[in-house]
Amino acid sequence: MLSENQREIFADFHKSVDAEGTLDEKTSHMIKVAAAMAFACYP
């Protein structure tokens, strides 16, 4: 389980990736999939 600090850091990262114009849609999606897999959040 993530600590509160880790959750905040991840949430900030997620918001920055979702910011329009930061990354193209495909790259943004792949980062989200990789992060979910890294935290064992398989569908």
C-alpha atoms as a PDB file:
ATOM      1  CA  MET A   1       0.000   0.000   0.000  1.00  0.00           C
ATOM      2  CA  LEU A   2       1.161   3.519  -0.708  1.00  0.00           C
ATOM      3  CA  SER A   3       1.809   5.987   2.053  1.00  0.00           C
ATOM      4  CA  GLU A   4      -0.086   9.270   2.010  1.00  0.00           C
ATOM      5  CA  ASN A   5       3.035  11.070   0.767  1.00  0.00           C
ATOM      6  CA  GLN A   6       3.483   8.583  -2.094  1.00  0.00           C
ATOM      7  CA  ARG A   7      -0.180   8.985  -3.072  1.00  0.00           C
ATOM      8  CA  GLU A   8       0.205  12.760  -3.211  1.00  0.00           C
ATOM      9  CA  ILE A   9       3.367  12.486  -5.317  1.00  0.00           C
ATOM     10  CA  PHE A  10       1.675  10.065  -7.718  1.00  0.00           C
ATOM     11  CA  ALA A  11      -1.411  12.279  -7.949  1.00  0.00           C
ATOM     12  CA  ASP A  12       0.776  15.280  -8.809  1.00  0.00           C
ATOM     13  CA  PHE A  13       2.572  13.213 -11.446  1.00  0.00           C
ATOM     14  CA  HIS A  14      -0.756  12.055 -12.889  1.00  0.00           C
ATOM     15  CA  LYS A  15      -2.044  15.622 -13.110  1.00  0.00           C
ATOM     16  CA  SER A  16       1.121  16.777 -14.869  1.00  0.00           C
ATOM     17  CA  VAL A  17       0.867  13.961 -17.422  1.00  0.00           C
ATOM     18  CA  ASP A  18      -2.798  14.804 -18.035  1.00  0.00           C
ATOM     19  CA  ALA A  19      -2.066  18.497 -18.570  1.00  0.00           C
ATOM     20  CA  GLU A  20      -2.990  19.344 -22.130  1.00  0.00           C
ATOM     21  CA  GLY A  21      -0.016  19.704 -24.430  1.00  0.00           C
ATOM     22  CA  THR A  22       2.465  18.071 -22.051  1.00  0.00           C
ATOM     23  CA  LEU A  23       2.586  14.735 -23.856  1.00  0.00           C
ATOM     24  CA  ASP A  24       0.810  13.316 -26.858  1.00  0.00           C
ATOM     25  CA  GLU A  25      -2.206  11.094 -26.119  1.00  0.00           C
ATOM     26  CA  LYS A  26      -0.502   7.771 -26.910  1.00  0.00           C
ATOM     27  CA  THR A  27       2.526   8.494 -24.711  1.00  0.00           C
ATOM     28  CA  SER A  28       0.291   9.653 -21.868  1.00  0.00           C
ATOM     29  CA  HIS A  29      -1.772   6.469 -22.097  1.00  0.00           C
ATOM     30  CA  MET A  30       1.321   4.237 -22.129  1.00  0.00           C
ATOM     31  CA  ILE A  31       2.725   5.956 -19.028  1.00  0.00           C
ATOM     32  CA  LYS A  32      -0.556   5.382 -17.206  1.00  0.00           C
ATOM     33  CA  VAL A  33      -0.586   1.695 -18.200  1.00  0.00           C
ATOM     34  CA  ALA A  34       3.034   1.270 -17.095  1.00  0.00           C
ATOM     35  CA  ALA A  35       2.370   2.978 -13.761  1.00  0.00           C
ATOM     36  CA  ALA A  36      -0.671   0.773 -13.138  1.00  0.00           C
ATOM     37  CA  MET A  37       1.368  -2.335 -13.939  1.00  0.00           C
ATOM     38  CA  ALA A  38       4.205  -1.168 -11.671  1.00  0.00           C
ATOM     39  CA  PHE A  39       1.732  -0.954  -8.793  1.00  0.00           C
ATOM     40  CA  ALA A  40       0.171  -4.345  -9.692  1.00  0.00           C
ATOM     41  CA  CYS A  41      -3.169  -2.796 -10.720  1.00  0.00           C
ATOM     42  CA  TYR A  42      -3.891  -5.196 -13.539  1.00  0.00           C
ATOM     43  CA  PRO A  43      -7.382  -5.036 -15.044  1.00  0.00           C
END
